[in-house]
Amino acid sequence: MSESIIVARPEGPAQQLMLLFHGVGANAQDLVPLGRVLAAEFPEAFVVSIAAPLPSDLGAGRQWFSVQGISEDNRAERVEAALPAFAETVARWQRDAGVGTDAVALIGFSQGGIMALESTRDRPALAGRVVSIAGRFARLPETPNEATTLHMFHGKTDPVIPYGYTVEAAEHLVAIGADVTADVIPGIGHQVNAEIAELLVERLRGHLPRRVWAAAMKAARESGADAA
């Protein structure tokens, strides 16, 4: 399957856009179950599982970039080359949904998580929320993307992308002042399961983005100053 799949489209105007990005060698159908969970929890969201643009050179499925001969030296270059198509995909569905950037959530698994994370690195924000499940940065950002909240999830027994990448990234992001949550889940490998889906919903519902809190505090201070 090489086509993106609309999992849910609300009858009225969409209040949120949730885009799901699968891993290398997979396809859009793989993340439809997660999309259905999100659609049930967020009924006003437009939810789409995106098909990566290229046939996988692993023999099946799709990919954003090749992992043949991948290394720490060439990964960032490959991701960078794939980002324009990724950004255009996000922009296309955002136009279709008719929502602002702050209402967009990018949710990626494995290679999809890499693309989602890298879309926040040292460039204008594509989304208000970016979620990585079993992903990593190709290269850690130098500055925080203040317009984006990052949520990272990783199974502690992941044999494909070790969870240490998420721990390292979270510590670095906190140090540079980014808005980030990170969950490492014992007993889970390289997968998206019900426990991760439940945690994801919890973070999307319960974590107040730092920018929203800052705006509320600023408004309260200004209101107090006006009253005085």
N, C-alpha and C. Protein backbone atom coordinates (compact mmCIF):
# COMPACT_ATOMS: atom_id res chain seq x y z
N MET A 1 0.85 -1.19 0.00
CA MET A 1 0.00 0.00 0.00
C MET A 1 0.88 1.24 0.00
N SER A 2 0.66 2.12 -0.96
CA SER A 2 1.53 3.29 -1.08
C SER A 2 0.78 4.60 -0.88
N GLU A 3 -0.50 4.52 -0.53
CA GLU A 3 -1.30 5.72 -0.36
C GLU A 3 -1.49 6.04 1.11
N SER A 4 -1.54 7.35 1.41
CA SER A 4 -1.88 7.77 2.76
C SER A 4 -3.34 7.43 3.03
N ILE A 5 -3.67 7.25 4.31
CA ILE A 5 -5.01 6.80 4.70
C ILE A 5 -5.62 7.82 5.65
N ILE A 6 -6.77 8.35 5.28
CA ILE A 6 -7.52 9.21 6.20
C ILE A 6 -8.23 8.31 7.20
N VAL A 7 -7.81 8.39 8.45
CA VAL A 7 -8.37 7.54 9.50
C VAL A 7 -9.67 8.13 10.01
N ALA A 8 -9.70 9.45 10.17
CA ALA A 8 -10.90 10.12 10.68
C ALA A 8 -10.92 11.56 10.20
N ARG A 9 -12.10 11.99 9.80
CA ARG A 9 -12.29 13.39 9.40
C ARG A 9 -13.58 13.87 10.04
N PRO A 10 -13.53 14.87 10.91
CA PRO A 10 -14.74 15.30 11.61
C PRO A 10 -15.76 15.91 10.64
N GLU A 11 -17.03 15.84 11.03
CA GLU A 11 -18.08 16.39 10.19
C GLU A 11 -17.97 17.91 10.07
N GLY A 12 -17.65 18.57 11.18
CA GLY A 12 -17.49 20.02 11.15
C GLY A 12 -16.03 20.39 10.93
N PRO A 13 -15.68 21.67 11.12
CA PRO A 13 -14.29 22.09 10.97
C PRO A 13 -13.37 21.35 11.92
N ALA A 14 -12.23 20.91 11.43
CA ALA A 14 -11.26 20.22 12.28
C ALA A 14 -10.66 21.19 13.27
N GLN A 15 -10.49 20.72 14.50
CA GLN A 15 -9.82 21.52 15.53
C GLN A 15 -8.35 21.14 15.67
N GLN A 16 -8.02 19.95 15.20
CA GLN A 16 -6.64 19.46 15.26
C GLN A 16 -6.34 18.64 14.02
N LEU A 17 -5.07 18.58 13.67
CA LEU A 17 -4.60 17.69 12.61
C LEU A 17 -3.54 16.79 13.21
N MET A 18 -3.75 15.48 13.12
CA MET A 18 -2.78 14.51 13.62
C MET A 18 -2.29 13.68 12.45
N LEU A 19 -1.00 13.77 12.17
CA LEU A 19 -0.38 13.04 11.07
C LEU A 19 0.53 11.97 11.63
N LEU A 20 0.35 10.73 11.18
CA LEU A 20 1.14 9.60 11.66
C LEU A 20 2.11 9.16 10.57
N PHE A 21 3.34 8.88 10.98
CA PHE A 21 4.41 8.54 10.04
C PHE A 21 5.03 7.20 10.44
N HIS A 22 4.94 6.23 9.54
CA HIS A 22 5.39 4.86 9.82
C HIS A 22 6.90 4.71 9.71
N GLY A 23 7.37 3.52 10.05
CA GLY A 23 8.79 3.21 9.97
C GLY A 23 9.21 2.71 8.60
N VAL A 24 10.50 2.53 8.41
CA VAL A 24 11.03 2.06 7.13
C VAL A 24 10.58 0.62 6.89
N GLY A 25 10.20 0.33 5.64
CA GLY A 25 9.75 -1.00 5.30
C GLY A 25 8.32 -1.29 5.68
N ALA A 26 7.62 -0.30 6.23
CA ALA A 26 6.23 -0.44 6.62
C ALA A 26 5.36 0.37 5.65
N ASN A 27 4.09 0.55 6.00
CA ASN A 27 3.21 1.37 5.17
C ASN A 27 2.17 2.06 6.03
N ALA A 28 1.33 2.85 5.41
CA ALA A 28 0.37 3.67 6.16
C ALA A 28 -0.58 2.82 7.00
N GLN A 29 -0.91 1.64 6.52
CA GLN A 29 -1.85 0.79 7.24
C GLN A 29 -1.34 0.42 8.64
N ASP A 30 -0.03 0.36 8.79
CA ASP A 30 0.55 -0.09 10.06
C ASP A 30 0.17 0.79 11.24
N LEU A 31 -0.03 2.09 11.01
CA LEU A 31 -0.34 3.00 12.12
C LEU A 31 -1.82 3.37 12.18
N VAL A 32 -2.64 2.73 11.34
CA VAL A 32 -4.09 2.99 11.41
C VAL A 32 -4.66 2.63 12.78
N PRO A 33 -4.26 1.51 13.42
CA PRO A 33 -4.80 1.23 14.76
C PRO A 33 -4.52 2.35 15.77
N LEU A 34 -3.32 2.90 15.75
CA LEU A 34 -3.01 4.03 16.63
C LEU A 34 -3.86 5.23 16.24
N GLY A 35 -4.03 5.45 14.95
CA GLY A 35 -4.86 6.56 14.49
C GLY A 35 -6.29 6.43 14.98
N ARG A 36 -6.81 5.22 15.03
CA ARG A 36 -8.18 5.01 15.50
C ARG A 36 -8.31 5.33 16.99
N VAL A 37 -7.28 4.97 17.76
CA VAL A 37 -7.28 5.32 19.18
C VAL A 37 -7.33 6.84 19.35
N LEU A 38 -6.49 7.53 18.59
CA LEU A 38 -6.45 8.99 18.69
C LEU A 38 -7.76 9.61 18.23
N ALA A 39 -8.34 9.08 17.16
CA ALA A 39 -9.61 9.62 16.66
C ALA A 39 -10.73 9.46 17.68
N ALA A 40 -10.72 8.34 18.41
CA ALA A 40 -11.74 8.12 19.43
C ALA A 40 -11.58 9.08 20.60
N GLU A 41 -10.33 9.38 20.94
CA GLU A 41 -10.04 10.27 22.07
C GLU A 41 -10.18 11.74 21.70
N PHE A 42 -9.95 12.05 20.42
CA PHE A 42 -10.01 13.44 19.97
C PHE A 42 -10.95 13.51 18.75
N PRO A 43 -12.27 13.50 19.00
CA PRO A 43 -13.24 13.39 17.90
C PRO A 43 -13.26 14.59 16.96
N GLU A 44 -12.68 15.70 17.35
CA GLU A 44 -12.64 16.86 16.46
C GLU A 44 -11.33 16.93 15.68
N ALA A 45 -10.54 15.86 15.73
CA ALA A 45 -9.26 15.84 15.03
C ALA A 45 -9.39 15.18 13.66
N PHE A 46 -8.65 15.73 12.72
CA PHE A 46 -8.47 15.14 11.39
C PHE A 46 -7.22 14.28 11.51
N VAL A 47 -7.37 12.96 11.33
CA VAL A 47 -6.28 12.02 11.58
C VAL A 47 -5.92 11.31 10.27
N VAL A 48 -4.63 11.37 9.91
CA VAL A 48 -4.18 10.77 8.66
C VAL A 48 -2.92 9.95 8.92
N SER A 49 -2.89 8.73 8.42
CA SER A 49 -1.67 7.92 8.44
C SER A 49 -0.99 8.10 7.09
N ILE A 50 0.22 8.65 7.13
CA ILE A 50 0.93 9.07 5.93
C ILE A 50 1.78 7.93 5.37
N ALA A 51 1.73 7.77 4.06
CA ALA A 51 2.62 6.83 3.38
C ALA A 51 3.90 7.57 2.99
N ALA A 52 5.05 7.04 3.38
CA ALA A 52 6.33 7.63 2.96
C ALA A 52 6.41 7.60 1.43
N PRO A 53 7.16 8.53 0.83
CA PRO A 53 7.08 8.71 -0.63
C PRO A 53 7.85 7.70 -1.47
N LEU A 54 8.79 6.97 -0.86
CA LEU A 54 9.68 6.13 -1.67
C LEU A 54 9.47 4.65 -1.37
N PRO A 55 9.59 3.79 -2.39
CA PRO A 55 9.60 2.35 -2.10
C PRO A 55 10.82 2.00 -1.25
N SER A 56 10.63 1.15 -0.27
CA SER A 56 11.74 0.76 0.58
C SER A 56 12.72 -0.11 -0.18
N ASP A 57 14.01 0.15 0.01
CA ASP A 57 15.00 -0.72 -0.63
C ASP A 57 15.31 -1.95 0.23
N LEU A 58 14.46 -2.18 1.25
CA LEU A 58 14.56 -3.42 2.02
C LEU A 58 13.73 -4.53 1.38
N GLY A 59 12.99 -4.17 0.33
CA GLY A 59 12.24 -5.19 -0.40
C GLY A 59 10.74 -5.12 -0.22
N ALA A 60 10.26 -4.34 0.75
CA ALA A 60 8.83 -4.20 0.98
C ALA A 60 8.57 -2.88 1.68
N GLY A 61 7.35 -2.37 1.53
CA GLY A 61 6.97 -1.16 2.23
C GLY A 61 7.54 0.11 1.63
N ARG A 62 7.57 1.17 2.45
CA ARG A 62 7.95 2.51 1.99
C ARG A 62 9.06 3.07 2.89
N GLN A 63 9.66 4.17 2.46
CA GLN A 63 10.70 4.81 3.26
C GLN A 63 10.79 6.30 2.91
N TRP A 64 11.30 7.07 3.88
CA TRP A 64 11.65 8.48 3.63
C TRP A 64 13.08 8.59 3.15
N PHE A 65 13.93 7.70 3.64
CA PHE A 65 15.33 7.68 3.20
C PHE A 65 15.85 6.26 3.34
N SER A 66 16.88 5.96 2.57
CA SER A 66 17.45 4.62 2.57
C SER A 66 18.24 4.36 3.85
N VAL A 67 18.14 3.13 4.33
CA VAL A 67 18.96 2.73 5.47
C VAL A 67 20.07 1.77 5.03
N GLN A 68 20.20 1.56 3.73
CA GLN A 68 21.31 0.75 3.23
C GLN A 68 22.62 1.50 3.45
N GLY A 69 23.54 0.90 4.18
CA GLY A 69 24.81 1.55 4.45
C GLY A 69 24.71 2.76 5.37
N ILE A 70 23.63 2.83 6.16
CA ILE A 70 23.42 3.99 7.05
C ILE A 70 24.48 3.98 8.16
N SER A 71 24.92 5.18 8.55
CA SER A 71 25.92 5.32 9.60
C SER A 71 25.70 6.64 10.31
N GLU A 72 26.39 6.83 11.42
CA GLU A 72 26.31 8.10 12.13
C GLU A 72 26.84 9.24 11.27
N ASP A 73 27.72 8.93 10.34
CA ASP A 73 28.31 9.96 9.49
C ASP A 73 27.36 10.43 8.38
N ASN A 74 26.49 9.54 7.87
CA ASN A 74 25.67 9.93 6.73
C ASN A 74 24.17 10.04 7.05
N ARG A 75 23.76 9.68 8.26
CA ARG A 75 22.33 9.70 8.58
C ARG A 75 21.75 11.11 8.48
N ALA A 76 22.41 12.08 9.07
CA ALA A 76 21.88 13.45 9.07
C ALA A 76 21.73 13.99 7.65
N GLU A 77 22.68 13.67 6.78
CA GLU A 77 22.61 14.12 5.39
C GLU A 77 21.41 13.51 4.68
N ARG A 78 21.15 12.24 4.92
CA ARG A 78 20.01 11.58 4.28
C ARG A 78 18.68 12.16 4.78
N VAL A 79 18.61 12.40 6.07
CA VAL A 79 17.39 12.98 6.62
C VAL A 79 17.17 14.38 6.06
N GLU A 80 18.22 15.16 6.01
CA GLU A 80 18.12 16.53 5.49
C GLU A 80 17.59 16.53 4.06
N ALA A 81 18.05 15.59 3.26
CA ALA A 81 17.59 15.51 1.87
C ALA A 81 16.11 15.14 1.79
N ALA A 82 15.61 14.40 2.79
CA ALA A 82 14.21 13.97 2.78
C ALA A 82 13.26 15.00 3.38
N LEU A 83 13.79 15.98 4.11
CA LEU A 83 12.93 16.91 4.85
C LEU A 83 12.06 17.81 3.98
N PRO A 84 12.51 18.29 2.81
CA PRO A 84 11.60 19.12 2.00
C PRO A 84 10.30 18.38 1.64
N ALA A 85 10.40 17.12 1.24
CA ALA A 85 9.20 16.35 0.91
C ALA A 85 8.34 16.13 2.15
N PHE A 86 8.98 15.91 3.29
CA PHE A 86 8.26 15.74 4.54
C PHE A 86 7.49 17.01 4.89
N ALA A 87 8.17 18.16 4.81
CA ALA A 87 7.54 19.43 5.14
C ALA A 87 6.38 19.74 4.20
N GLU A 88 6.54 19.43 2.92
CA GLU A 88 5.47 19.68 1.96
C GLU A 88 4.27 18.78 2.24
N THR A 89 4.53 17.55 2.67
CA THR A 89 3.43 16.65 3.04
C THR A 89 2.64 17.22 4.20
N VAL A 90 3.35 17.71 5.22
CA VAL A 90 2.67 18.32 6.36
C VAL A 90 1.86 19.53 5.92
N ALA A 91 2.45 20.40 5.09
CA ALA A 91 1.78 21.61 4.63
C ALA A 91 0.54 21.27 3.81
N ARG A 92 0.63 20.24 2.98
CA ARG A 92 -0.51 19.84 2.14
C ARG A 92 -1.71 19.44 3.00
N TRP A 93 -1.46 18.59 4.01
CA TRP A 93 -2.56 18.14 4.86
C TRP A 93 -3.04 19.25 5.80
N GLN A 94 -2.14 20.14 6.17
CA GLN A 94 -2.57 21.28 6.99
C GLN A 94 -3.52 22.18 6.21
N ARG A 95 -3.23 22.41 4.93
CA ARG A 95 -4.14 23.19 4.09
C ARG A 95 -5.49 22.49 3.98
N ASP A 96 -5.45 21.18 3.82
CA ASP A 96 -6.68 20.41 3.69
C ASP A 96 -7.51 20.48 4.97
N ALA A 97 -6.84 20.41 6.11
CA ALA A 97 -7.54 20.43 7.39
C ALA A 97 -7.99 21.84 7.78
N GLY A 98 -7.29 22.86 7.29
CA GLY A 98 -7.65 24.24 7.61
C GLY A 98 -7.35 24.64 9.04
N VAL A 99 -6.24 24.15 9.58
CA VAL A 99 -5.85 24.48 10.95
C VAL A 99 -4.51 25.20 10.96
N GLY A 100 -4.24 25.89 12.04
CA GLY A 100 -2.95 26.56 12.20
C GLY A 100 -1.88 25.60 12.65
N THR A 101 -0.65 26.05 12.57
CA THR A 101 0.49 25.20 12.93
C THR A 101 0.39 24.69 14.36
N ASP A 102 -0.11 25.51 15.27
CA ASP A 102 -0.17 25.10 16.67
C ASP A 102 -1.12 23.93 16.89
N ALA A 103 -2.06 23.73 15.96
CA ALA A 103 -3.03 22.64 16.08
C ALA A 103 -2.58 21.37 15.38
N VAL A 104 -1.36 21.35 14.87
CA VAL A 104 -0.84 20.18 14.16
C VAL A 104 0.00 19.34 15.11
N ALA A 105 -0.20 18.02 15.06
CA ALA A 105 0.63 17.07 15.80
C ALA A 105 1.23 16.08 14.82
N LEU A 106 2.55 15.93 14.85
CA LEU A 106 3.25 14.96 14.02
C LEU A 106 3.65 13.79 14.92
N ILE A 107 3.23 12.59 14.57
CA ILE A 107 3.42 11.42 15.42
C ILE A 107 4.14 10.36 14.59
N GLY A 108 5.42 10.14 14.90
CA GLY A 108 6.22 9.24 14.08
C GLY A 108 6.75 8.06 14.85
N PHE A 109 6.78 6.91 14.17
CA PHE A 109 7.35 5.69 14.73
C PHE A 109 8.63 5.35 13.98
N SER A 110 9.72 5.07 14.71
CA SER A 110 10.98 4.63 14.13
C SER A 110 11.48 5.66 13.10
N GLN A 111 11.60 5.31 11.81
CA GLN A 111 12.06 6.30 10.84
C GLN A 111 11.10 7.49 10.77
N GLY A 112 9.82 7.23 10.95
CA GLY A 112 8.86 8.34 11.01
C GLY A 112 9.13 9.24 12.19
N GLY A 113 9.56 8.65 13.33
CA GLY A 113 9.93 9.45 14.49
C GLY A 113 11.18 10.28 14.24
N ILE A 114 12.13 9.71 13.51
CA ILE A 114 13.33 10.46 13.14
C ILE A 114 12.95 11.68 12.31
N MET A 115 12.10 11.48 11.31
CA MET A 115 11.70 12.59 10.45
C MET A 115 10.95 13.66 11.26
N ALA A 116 10.05 13.22 12.14
CA ALA A 116 9.29 14.17 12.94
C ALA A 116 10.20 14.99 13.85
N LEU A 117 11.13 14.32 14.54
CA LEU A 117 12.06 15.03 15.41
C LEU A 117 12.95 15.99 14.62
N GLU A 118 13.48 15.51 13.52
CA GLU A 118 14.39 16.35 12.73
C GLU A 118 13.69 17.55 12.13
N SER A 119 12.37 17.47 11.94
CA SER A 119 11.64 18.62 11.40
C SER A 119 11.59 19.78 12.38
N THR A 120 11.96 19.52 13.64
CA THR A 120 11.96 20.58 14.66
C THR A 120 13.34 21.19 14.85
N ARG A 121 14.36 20.57 14.26
CA ARG A 121 15.73 20.94 14.60
C ARG A 121 16.20 22.16 13.84
N ASP A 122 16.39 23.28 14.59
CA ASP A 122 17.02 24.48 14.05
C ASP A 122 16.34 24.97 12.77
N ARG A 123 14.99 24.95 12.79
CA ARG A 123 14.21 25.44 11.65
C ARG A 123 12.83 25.85 12.15
N PRO A 124 12.08 26.64 11.37
CA PRO A 124 10.74 27.04 11.82
C PRO A 124 9.85 25.83 12.08
N ALA A 125 8.96 25.98 13.04
CA ALA A 125 8.12 24.87 13.47
C ALA A 125 7.12 24.47 12.39
N LEU A 126 6.94 23.16 12.23
CA LEU A 126 5.89 22.62 11.37
C LEU A 126 4.65 22.27 12.16
N ALA A 127 4.79 22.13 13.49
CA ALA A 127 3.69 21.63 14.32
C ALA A 127 3.83 22.11 15.74
N GLY A 128 2.69 22.16 16.43
CA GLY A 128 2.71 22.51 17.85
C GLY A 128 3.18 21.37 18.72
N ARG A 129 2.93 20.14 18.27
CA ARG A 129 3.35 18.96 19.02
C ARG A 129 4.06 18.00 18.06
N VAL A 130 5.14 17.42 18.52
CA VAL A 130 5.86 16.40 17.76
C VAL A 130 6.10 15.22 18.69
N VAL A 131 5.71 14.04 18.21
CA VAL A 131 5.82 12.82 18.99
C VAL A 131 6.76 11.85 18.29
N SER A 132 7.71 11.32 19.04
CA SER A 132 8.61 10.28 18.54
C SER A 132 8.38 9.01 19.35
N ILE A 133 8.07 7.92 18.65
CA ILE A 133 7.95 6.60 19.27
C ILE A 133 9.06 5.73 18.70
N ALA A 134 9.99 5.32 19.54
CA ALA A 134 11.12 4.49 19.11
C ALA A 134 11.92 5.18 18.00
N GLY A 135 12.07 6.50 18.13
CA GLY A 135 12.85 7.27 17.17
C GLY A 135 14.08 7.88 17.80
N ARG A 136 14.69 8.81 17.09
CA ARG A 136 15.89 9.49 17.58
C ARG A 136 16.15 10.70 16.70
N PHE A 137 16.96 11.62 17.18
CA PHE A 137 17.51 12.68 16.33
C PHE A 137 18.67 12.10 15.53
N ALA A 138 18.79 12.55 14.29
CA ALA A 138 20.00 12.25 13.53
C ALA A 138 21.16 13.08 14.07
N ARG A 139 20.83 14.29 14.49
CA ARG A 139 21.81 15.18 15.12
C ARG A 139 21.05 16.04 16.12
N LEU A 140 21.57 16.15 17.32
CA LEU A 140 20.86 16.90 18.36
C LEU A 140 20.79 18.38 18.02
N PRO A 141 19.67 19.03 18.33
CA PRO A 141 19.52 20.46 17.99
C PRO A 141 20.43 21.34 18.84
N GLU A 142 20.79 22.48 18.26
CA GLU A 142 21.61 23.44 19.00
C GLU A 142 20.77 24.39 19.83
N THR A 143 19.55 24.64 19.37
CA THR A 143 18.66 25.57 20.06
C THR A 143 17.28 24.93 20.17
N PRO A 144 16.48 25.32 21.17
CA PRO A 144 15.13 24.75 21.29
C PRO A 144 14.19 25.37 20.27
N ASN A 145 13.21 24.59 19.81
CA ASN A 145 12.16 25.13 18.97
C ASN A 145 11.02 25.52 19.90
N GLU A 146 10.93 26.80 20.20
CA GLU A 146 10.01 27.25 21.24
C GLU A 146 8.54 27.11 20.85
N ALA A 147 8.26 26.91 19.57
CA ALA A 147 6.88 26.77 19.12
C ALA A 147 6.39 25.33 19.15
N THR A 148 7.25 24.40 19.56
CA THR A 148 6.90 22.98 19.49
C THR A 148 7.17 22.29 20.83
N THR A 149 6.19 21.50 21.27
CA THR A 149 6.36 20.60 22.41
C THR A 149 6.70 19.22 21.89
N LEU A 150 7.72 18.60 22.47
CA LEU A 150 8.15 17.27 22.03
C LEU A 150 7.76 16.23 23.08
N HIS A 151 7.22 15.11 22.58
CA HIS A 151 6.91 13.96 23.44
C HIS A 151 7.66 12.76 22.88
N MET A 152 8.48 12.14 23.70
CA MET A 152 9.30 11.01 23.25
C MET A 152 8.95 9.76 24.05
N PHE A 153 8.78 8.64 23.34
CA PHE A 153 8.44 7.36 23.96
C PHE A 153 9.40 6.31 23.41
N HIS A 154 9.87 5.43 24.29
CA HIS A 154 10.80 4.41 23.84
C HIS A 154 10.71 3.17 24.71
N GLY A 155 10.63 2.02 24.07
CA GLY A 155 10.67 0.76 24.80
C GLY A 155 12.08 0.48 25.29
N LYS A 156 12.19 0.01 26.52
CA LYS A 156 13.51 -0.20 27.11
C LYS A 156 14.24 -1.40 26.52
N THR A 157 13.49 -2.30 25.87
CA THR A 157 14.13 -3.47 25.26
C THR A 157 14.18 -3.35 23.73
N ASP A 158 14.10 -2.13 23.21
CA ASP A 158 14.13 -1.90 21.77
C ASP A 158 15.48 -2.36 21.19
N PRO A 159 15.50 -3.36 20.30
CA PRO A 159 16.76 -3.84 19.74
C PRO A 159 17.17 -3.11 18.46
N VAL A 160 16.30 -2.26 17.94
CA VAL A 160 16.55 -1.59 16.65
C VAL A 160 17.16 -0.20 16.87
N ILE A 161 16.49 0.62 17.66
CA ILE A 161 17.00 1.94 18.05
C ILE A 161 17.04 1.94 19.58
N PRO A 162 18.19 1.79 20.19
CA PRO A 162 18.27 1.70 21.65
C PRO A 162 17.65 2.91 22.35
N TYR A 163 17.02 2.65 23.49
CA TYR A 163 16.32 3.71 24.21
C TYR A 163 17.27 4.80 24.70
N GLY A 164 18.56 4.50 24.77
CA GLY A 164 19.52 5.51 25.21
C GLY A 164 19.50 6.78 24.35
N TYR A 165 19.12 6.65 23.09
CA TYR A 165 19.02 7.84 22.23
C TYR A 165 17.94 8.79 22.74
N THR A 166 16.84 8.23 23.23
CA THR A 166 15.78 9.08 23.77
C THR A 166 16.22 9.72 25.08
N VAL A 167 16.89 8.96 25.94
CA VAL A 167 17.38 9.52 27.20
C VAL A 167 18.37 10.65 26.94
N GLU A 168 19.33 10.41 26.04
CA GLU A 168 20.32 11.43 25.71
C GLU A 168 19.66 12.67 25.14
N ALA A 169 18.71 12.47 24.23
CA ALA A 169 18.04 13.61 23.60
C ALA A 169 17.23 14.40 24.63
N ALA A 170 16.52 13.70 25.51
CA ALA A 170 15.70 14.38 26.51
C ALA A 170 16.57 15.22 27.45
N GLU A 171 17.68 14.65 27.90
CA GLU A 171 18.58 15.41 28.78
C GLU A 171 19.13 16.64 28.07
N HIS A 172 19.49 16.48 26.80
CA HIS A 172 20.01 17.61 26.03
C HIS A 172 18.93 18.67 25.82
N LEU A 173 17.73 18.24 25.48
CA LEU A 173 16.63 19.18 25.23
C LEU A 173 16.29 19.97 26.49
N VAL A 174 16.27 19.31 27.63
CA VAL A 174 16.02 20.01 28.89
C VAL A 174 17.12 21.04 29.13
N ALA A 175 18.35 20.65 28.86
CA ALA A 175 19.49 21.55 29.11
C ALA A 175 19.43 22.80 28.26
N ILE A 176 18.91 22.69 27.03
CA ILE A 176 18.86 23.88 26.17
C ILE A 176 17.53 24.63 26.29
N GLY A 177 16.65 24.14 27.16
CA GLY A 177 15.42 24.87 27.44
C GLY A 177 14.24 24.49 26.57
N ALA A 178 14.24 23.31 25.97
CA ALA A 178 13.12 22.87 25.15
C ALA A 178 11.98 22.37 26.02
N ASP A 179 10.79 22.33 25.45
CA ASP A 179 9.61 21.81 26.11
C ASP A 179 9.47 20.35 25.71
N VAL A 180 9.76 19.42 26.64
CA VAL A 180 9.85 18.01 26.27
C VAL A 180 9.38 17.12 27.40
N THR A 181 8.73 16.00 27.02
CA THR A 181 8.49 14.91 27.95
C THR A 181 9.13 13.66 27.35
N ALA A 182 9.55 12.74 28.20
CA ALA A 182 10.16 11.51 27.72
C ALA A 182 9.72 10.36 28.61
N ASP A 183 9.29 9.27 27.98
CA ASP A 183 8.87 8.07 28.70
C ASP A 183 9.64 6.87 28.15
N VAL A 184 10.34 6.16 29.03
CA VAL A 184 10.98 4.89 28.69
C VAL A 184 10.18 3.80 29.37
N ILE A 185 9.69 2.83 28.56
CA ILE A 185 8.74 1.85 29.06
C ILE A 185 9.40 0.47 29.15
N PRO A 186 9.52 -0.08 30.35
CA PRO A 186 10.13 -1.42 30.51
C PRO A 186 9.33 -2.49 29.78
N GLY A 187 10.04 -3.48 29.27
CA GLY A 187 9.39 -4.65 28.68
C GLY A 187 8.82 -4.45 27.30
N ILE A 188 9.08 -3.30 26.69
CA ILE A 188 8.56 -3.03 25.35
C ILE A 188 9.72 -2.89 24.37
N GLY A 189 9.58 -3.50 23.20
CA GLY A 189 10.62 -3.45 22.19
C GLY A 189 10.37 -2.37 21.16
N HIS A 190 10.65 -2.67 19.90
CA HIS A 190 10.50 -1.71 18.81
C HIS A 190 9.08 -1.85 18.26
N GLN A 191 8.14 -1.18 18.90
CA GLN A 191 6.74 -1.38 18.56
C GLN A 191 5.87 -0.23 19.07
N VAL A 192 4.65 -0.22 18.56
CA VAL A 192 3.60 0.64 19.09
C VAL A 192 2.53 -0.29 19.63
N ASN A 193 2.29 -0.22 20.94
CA ASN A 193 1.28 -1.10 21.51
C ASN A 193 0.27 -0.28 22.32
N ALA A 194 -0.65 -0.97 22.97
CA ALA A 194 -1.72 -0.29 23.69
C ALA A 194 -1.18 0.58 24.83
N GLU A 195 -0.11 0.13 25.48
CA GLU A 195 0.45 0.92 26.59
C GLU A 195 1.02 2.24 26.08
N ILE A 196 1.72 2.19 24.97
CA ILE A 196 2.26 3.41 24.40
C ILE A 196 1.14 4.33 23.92
N ALA A 197 0.11 3.75 23.30
CA ALA A 197 -1.03 4.56 22.85
C ALA A 197 -1.69 5.27 24.03
N GLU A 198 -1.84 4.55 25.14
CA GLU A 198 -2.45 5.14 26.34
C GLU A 198 -1.58 6.28 26.89
N LEU A 199 -0.27 6.06 26.95
CA LEU A 199 0.63 7.11 27.42
C LEU A 199 0.61 8.32 26.50
N LEU A 200 0.55 8.07 25.20
CA LEU A 200 0.50 9.17 24.25
C LEU A 200 -0.73 10.03 24.46
N VAL A 201 -1.88 9.40 24.62
CA VAL A 201 -3.11 10.16 24.88
C VAL A 201 -2.97 10.95 26.17
N GLU A 202 -2.38 10.34 27.18
CA GLU A 202 -2.18 11.01 28.48
C GLU A 202 -1.32 12.25 28.32
N ARG A 203 -0.24 12.14 27.56
CA ARG A 203 0.64 13.30 27.36
C ARG A 203 -0.05 14.38 26.54
N LEU A 204 -0.77 13.99 25.49
CA LEU A 204 -1.44 14.99 24.65
C LEU A 204 -2.53 15.72 25.43
N ARG A 205 -3.20 15.00 26.32
CA ARG A 205 -4.26 15.62 27.11
C ARG A 205 -3.73 16.39 28.31
N GLY A 206 -2.71 15.84 28.96
CA GLY A 206 -2.32 16.35 30.27
C GLY A 206 -1.18 17.32 30.31
N HIS A 207 -0.34 17.36 29.26
CA HIS A 207 0.82 18.24 29.30
C HIS A 207 0.47 19.59 28.71
N LEU A 208 0.51 20.62 29.53
CA LEU A 208 0.26 21.99 29.06
C LEU A 208 1.54 22.52 28.43
N PRO A 209 1.53 22.83 27.14
CA PRO A 209 2.74 23.33 26.50
C PRO A 209 3.30 24.57 27.22
N ARG A 210 4.60 24.62 27.31
CA ARG A 210 5.25 25.71 28.02
C ARG A 210 4.86 27.07 27.43
N ARG A 211 4.72 27.14 26.10
CA ARG A 211 4.38 28.42 25.47
C ARG A 211 2.99 28.90 25.90
N VAL A 212 2.07 27.95 26.12
CA VAL A 212 0.73 28.31 26.57
C VAL A 212 0.78 28.84 28.00
N TRP A 213 1.54 28.15 28.84
CA TRP A 213 1.70 28.58 30.22
C TRP A 213 2.36 29.96 30.28
N ALA A 214 3.39 30.18 29.48
CA ALA A 214 4.09 31.47 29.47
C ALA A 214 3.15 32.59 29.03
N ALA A 215 2.33 32.32 28.02
CA ALA A 215 1.39 33.34 27.55
C ALA A 215 0.36 33.66 28.62
N ALA A 216 -0.10 32.64 29.36
CA ALA A 216 -1.07 32.87 30.43
C ALA A 216 -0.46 33.70 31.55
N MET A 217 0.79 33.41 31.90
CA MET A 217 1.48 34.16 32.95
C MET A 217 1.70 35.62 32.53
N LYS A 218 2.05 35.81 31.26
CA LYS A 218 2.25 37.17 30.76
C LYS A 218 0.96 37.96 30.81
N ALA A 219 -0.14 37.32 30.39
CA ALA A 219 -1.43 37.99 30.41
C ALA A 219 -1.85 38.35 31.85
N ALA A 220 -1.55 37.44 32.79
CA ALA A 220 -1.91 37.69 34.19
C ALA A 220 -1.10 38.87 34.74
N ARG A 221 0.21 38.92 34.38
CA ARG A 221 1.04 40.03 34.86
C ARG A 221 0.55 41.36 34.27
N GLU A 222 0.22 41.34 33.00
CA GLU A 222 -0.24 42.57 32.35
C GLU A 222 -1.57 43.02 32.92
N SER A 223 -2.44 42.04 33.23
CA SER A 223 -3.73 42.36 33.82
C SER A 223 -3.55 42.97 35.21
N GLY A 224 -2.60 42.42 35.96
CA GLY A 224 -2.33 42.95 37.30
C GLY A 224 -1.76 44.34 37.23
N ALA A 225 -0.89 44.59 36.24
CA ALA A 225 -0.31 45.91 36.08
C ALA A 225 -1.35 46.94 35.70
N ASP A 226 -2.29 46.53 34.84
CA ASP A 226 -3.37 47.44 34.44
C ASP A 226 -4.27 47.78 35.60
N ALA A 227 -4.55 46.78 36.46
CA ALA A 227 -5.41 47.01 37.61
C ALA A 227 -4.77 47.95 38.61
N ALA A 228 -3.44 47.86 38.70
CA ALA A 228 -2.74 48.74 39.65
C ALA A 228 -2.75 50.17 39.15
